[in-house]
Amino acid sequence: MLIRKDTTLDFKKIIEYITQMESKILSKDFTPLVPYPKDDLSIRWPLWNIFVNKEPAFHKVYMLIKNTWNEYKEINKLKYQPMWLQAWGNIHRKNEELGRHNHECAYWGWISINAEGSTTIMDNETIYNSNGQIVMCSGNIYHRSSKWTQDESRITIGFDLATEEDLKYKRTNKVIPFE
């Protein structure tokens, strides 16, 4: 696991974009791939990729993922292999939480956009989220978020880095070349 932070992200523009996209994504026909208690952006991750847009604020988000990935590879002595990226927004309102789940790909993570005061609970670790923080992980680790207690929405960006092998099983075609 690697945790880094970038407080220079344009949080306001990112929040506006994800909030604007919510109604568009929720209006699409969709049958969830797994049982999930709420029909929200989190369960609809296969329908979109946050990087397929014209909002300049996402260039810094992309570079944050790219730079963190490059550091992660170096620390873990990973060899080059082609990778694809998918990312999506998550919105949770007061008294909501992201249920226990995993990502079926080699590497995954999240960026806290407006999530300070929440935690992400894994089987053996709890991460205290702070705005601008990126967490990058490998493997099939189950995790969930704590219940959100604030009035404004909790907003995060989830992402998957998929290998060629992962693409055979990934249940979306909303990926972009990454490496």
Foldseek 3Di string as FASTA:
>chain_A
DDKDFDPPQPLVLVVVVQVVCFVVLLVDDDDFPDDDDDPGQVSSQQVAAPPPDDDPSCVVVLVVVLVRVVVVCVVVVPDDAWKKKGKHKGKDAAQDKFDKAWDQAFKKWKAWSPAQPKWKDWPVDIHHHDHRMIDMDGDTTIIMMDGHHDHHIGMMMIMHIHGPVSVVPDPHPRIGTDD
